Structures are given as structure tokens and as C-alpha cells.
Amino acid sequence: MADRVCVGAIAGSFGVKGEVRLKSFCAEPEDIATYGPLSSEDGAASWEVRLTRPVKAGFAARLTGVATKEAADALRGTRLYAPRDRLPALPDDEFYHADLIGLTVVDTGGAELGRVKAVLNHGAGDLLEVAGKGLKQPVLLPFTKAAVPTVDLTAGRIVADPPEGLFE
């Protein structure tokens, strides 16, 4: 999966002529159509994407080979992946969520806190879901410069300075 990144998902059909409702996970939502062809998670299927119009929470889109409402409905929940080499390079202080998942999280003293299980965003900013053997339940660490001063993708670790009491 390191060579592909999830850029969107099919939320179901749109209308009766084979269009799908597409949710984009891209910083610029309409860019999802420029990374194609997009493939399913297992890589067994791929589609060229043509956005037809914006709709609530996404886009109506045409996918190659999808011509009926039934075919569009059958794709509901399918995550769409783009080849990593087609995605734009990021500035030094930005990261693809896929690159953060699995990284070891250590505190400023080097003690391991856990591993990143997911990157969440509920509207107020990104949160790293950190799980580890010493934690009863996953901890949500704010992904801010203050709480996460260092992300070292090469070393596969994140240095965190969490708010007091977060990891207790």
C-alpha cells in the first residue's frame, strides 16, 4: 500500500444514469479527478474519474465502465486509491495521513508512548489516534506544532510533547 494513497470513496449512486456520489479526501477536493486512473483497495478494479457537478458533501461523477444505477450502487463504500507518484510533493511541514499511520510516538525524553493507528479530523484540526501497550484505550493527540514538534518519516517516529496528563 505504500505506493498508493487513499484519495476518496464512493458514497453510492447519484441519479439513475450510472453516476456515483464521490467523497474526496484531497486538500483540493476537485483534484481527485486528476490522479487517475483510481483503483480499488485490492487493486482488482480501476476507473477513470470525470466529475460532473458538485453535490452536498462531494461530487457527482462518472466512472469508466459504470453505466447503471445498480452498478453505481454496488460500488458504495469502495475506497479509491491513486498511485503515490501522481500526487503532488508536500512542503516540509505537511504530511499525507497514510505516511503517519504506523509511526512510533515517543515523548521528548525518548520514551515510547505508542503507535499512530489513525489520523482523524472532526473539524477542529487533525488528531493522531495513538495506541500502545501501556494505554487502556487509544489517546487522541492534537496534531499541532506544540504537541508534535517533530515528525521524522525516515526514522519512522514522531516526537510528541503532549498536554499534561494526556497519556496517564
Protein backbone atom coordinates (compact mmCIF):
# COMPACT_ATOMS: atom_id res chain seq x y z
CA MET A 1 0.00 0.00 0.00
CA ALA A 2 3.00 2.35 0.35
CA ASP A 3 2.87 3.01 -3.39
CA ARG A 4 -0.82 4.05 -3.27
CA VAL A 5 -2.76 6.61 -1.22
CA CYS A 6 -6.50 6.66 -0.50
CA VAL A 7 -7.86 9.84 -2.11
CA GLY A 8 -11.61 9.29 -1.89
CA ALA A 9 -14.57 6.97 -1.53
CA ILE A 10 -17.77 6.19 -3.37
CA ALA A 11 -20.79 7.08 -1.23
CA GLY A 12 -23.32 5.45 -3.55
CA SER A 13 -25.21 6.22 -6.73
CA PHE A 14 -26.34 9.66 -7.84
CA GLY A 15 -29.42 9.67 -10.01
CA VAL A 16 -30.46 6.80 -12.25
CA LYS A 17 -27.94 7.03 -15.11
CA GLY A 18 -24.86 5.45 -13.51
CA GLU A 19 -23.29 8.45 -11.81
CA VAL A 20 -21.72 7.96 -8.39
CA ARG A 21 -21.62 10.24 -5.36
CA LEU A 22 -17.91 10.73 -4.68
CA LYS A 23 -16.30 11.93 -1.45
CA SER A 24 -12.84 13.43 -1.98
CA PHE A 25 -10.17 13.26 0.72
CA CYS A 26 -7.86 15.63 -1.20
CA ALA A 27 -6.80 19.06 0.10
CA GLU A 28 -8.26 20.48 -3.12
CA PRO A 29 -11.32 18.21 -3.48
CA GLU A 30 -11.64 18.51 -7.27
CA ASP A 31 -8.04 17.25 -7.72
CA ILE A 32 -9.31 13.70 -7.21
CA ALA A 33 -10.14 13.57 -10.93
CA THR A 34 -6.57 14.44 -11.95
CA TYR A 35 -4.79 11.49 -10.30
CA GLY A 36 -6.46 8.72 -12.29
CA PRO A 37 -7.00 6.09 -13.03
CA LEU A 38 -8.05 5.38 -9.45
CA SER A 39 -8.17 1.81 -8.17
CA SER A 40 -9.99 -0.18 -5.51
CA GLU A 41 -8.18 -1.09 -2.29
CA ASP A 42 -7.24 -4.55 -3.57
CA GLY A 43 -6.23 -3.14 -6.96
CA ALA A 44 -8.59 -5.50 -8.78
CA ALA A 45 -10.58 -2.69 -10.44
CA SER A 46 -9.70 0.76 -11.69
CA TRP A 47 -11.64 3.67 -13.12
CA GLU A 48 -11.06 6.95 -14.87
CA VAL A 49 -13.00 9.65 -13.00
CA ARG A 50 -14.85 12.59 -14.55
CA LEU A 51 -16.53 14.98 -12.13
CA THR A 52 -19.89 16.13 -13.47
CA ARG A 53 -21.01 18.59 -10.75
CA PRO A 54 -20.60 19.41 -7.08
CA VAL A 55 -23.21 17.93 -4.74
CA LYS A 56 -23.67 18.07 -0.99
CA ALA A 57 -20.54 16.59 0.71
CA GLY A 58 -18.78 15.76 -2.55
CA PHE A 59 -19.25 15.40 -6.27
CA ALA A 60 -21.41 13.58 -8.77
CA ALA A 61 -19.01 11.71 -11.03
CA ARG A 62 -18.81 9.31 -13.93
CA LEU A 63 -16.55 6.29 -13.65
CA THR A 64 -15.48 4.33 -16.72
CA GLY A 65 -17.46 1.12 -17.04
CA VAL A 66 -20.23 2.22 -14.66
CA ALA A 67 -23.36 2.86 -16.70
CA THR A 68 -26.31 1.96 -14.47
CA LYS A 69 -27.68 2.93 -11.09
CA GLU A 70 -27.29 -0.70 -9.97
CA ALA A 71 -23.60 -0.73 -10.93
CA ALA A 72 -23.06 2.56 -9.10
CA ASP A 73 -24.91 1.28 -6.01
CA ALA A 74 -22.74 -1.86 -5.99
CA LEU A 75 -19.65 0.34 -5.53
CA ARG A 76 -20.97 2.06 -2.38
CA GLY A 77 -18.20 2.15 0.25
CA THR A 78 -15.40 1.49 -2.22
CA ARG A 79 -12.27 3.45 -1.30
CA LEU A 80 -10.37 4.91 -4.23
CA TYR A 81 -6.58 4.85 -4.39
CA ALA A 82 -4.15 6.86 -6.51
CA PRO A 83 -0.55 5.98 -7.29
CA ARG A 84 1.70 7.92 -4.88
CA ASP A 85 3.89 9.18 -7.72
CA ARG A 86 0.91 11.07 -9.20
CA LEU A 87 0.30 13.06 -6.00
CA PRO A 88 1.94 16.44 -5.52
CA ALA A 89 5.04 16.81 -3.35
CA LEU A 90 4.29 18.38 0.01
CA PRO A 91 6.08 21.17 1.87
CA ASP A 92 8.33 20.12 4.75
CA ASP A 93 5.68 20.67 7.42
CA GLU A 94 2.84 18.77 5.69
CA PHE A 95 2.27 15.02 5.51
CA TYR A 96 -0.03 12.53 3.88
CA HIS A 97 -2.11 10.80 6.54
CA ALA A 98 -1.04 7.44 5.11
CA ASP A 99 2.58 8.29 5.96
CA LEU A 100 1.77 8.97 9.63
CA ILE A 101 -0.16 5.75 10.32
CA GLY A 102 2.10 3.18 11.93
CA LEU A 103 4.76 5.62 13.13
CA THR A 104 6.10 5.16 16.66
CA VAL A 105 5.28 8.04 19.01
CA VAL A 106 7.88 8.93 21.64
CA ASP A 107 7.93 11.70 24.21
CA THR A 108 10.62 14.40 24.27
CA GLY A 109 12.71 12.17 26.56
CA GLY A 110 12.59 9.28 24.08
CA ALA A 111 10.15 7.04 25.99
CA GLU A 112 7.74 5.21 23.69
CA LEU A 113 4.10 6.30 24.04
CA GLY A 114 2.58 4.09 21.34
CA ARG A 115 1.93 3.96 17.59
CA VAL A 116 -0.30 6.05 15.34
CA LYS A 117 -3.35 3.95 14.44
CA ALA A 118 -5.33 6.62 12.58
CA VAL A 119 -5.44 10.30 11.69
CA LEU A 120 -8.80 11.85 12.47
CA ASN A 121 -10.32 15.23 11.74
CA HIS A 122 -13.62 16.23 13.28
CA GLY A 123 -13.49 19.80 12.03
CA ALA A 124 -11.19 21.50 14.52
CA GLY A 125 -7.90 20.08 13.24
CA ASP A 126 -6.14 16.76 12.87
CA LEU A 127 -5.82 14.33 15.76
CA LEU A 128 -3.46 11.37 15.93
CA GLU A 129 -5.04 8.25 17.43
CA VAL A 130 -2.21 6.69 19.43
CA ALA A 131 -2.49 3.17 20.84
CA GLY A 132 0.10 1.33 22.89
CA LYS A 133 0.65 -1.45 25.38
CA GLY A 134 0.61 0.89 28.38
CA LEU A 135 -2.65 2.57 27.36
CA LYS A 136 -6.08 1.30 28.42
CA GLN A 137 -7.65 2.97 25.37
CA PRO A 138 -6.28 4.95 22.42
CA VAL A 139 -5.29 8.55 23.08
CA LEU A 140 -6.18 11.41 20.73
CA LEU A 141 -3.10 13.60 20.39
CA PRO A 142 -3.60 17.02 18.76
CA PHE A 143 -1.52 17.17 15.59
CA THR A 144 -0.19 20.67 16.21
CA LYS A 145 3.34 22.04 16.23
CA ALA A 146 3.13 22.44 20.03
CA ALA A 147 2.03 18.85 20.73
CA VAL A 148 4.00 17.24 17.87
CA PRO A 149 7.19 19.24 17.33
CA THR A 150 8.94 16.58 15.21
CA VAL A 151 7.82 14.12 12.54
CA ASP A 152 10.71 12.03 11.20
CA LEU A 153 9.40 9.84 8.39
CA THR A 154 12.87 8.48 7.65
CA ALA A 155 13.31 7.20 11.22
CA GLY A 156 9.62 6.18 11.40
CA ARG A 157 8.86 8.17 14.53
CA ILE A 158 7.06 11.16 15.91
CA VAL A 159 8.35 13.14 18.87
CA ALA A 160 5.43 14.36 20.95
CA ASP A 161 5.17 16.91 23.74
CA PRO A 162 1.61 16.05 24.81
CA PRO A 163 -0.52 18.17 27.09
CA GLU A 164 -0.08 17.30 30.78
CA GLY A 165 -1.96 14.15 31.80
CA LEU A 166 -2.94 13.05 28.30
CA PHE A 167 -1.01 9.76 28.40
CA GLU A 168 -1.76 8.81 32.01
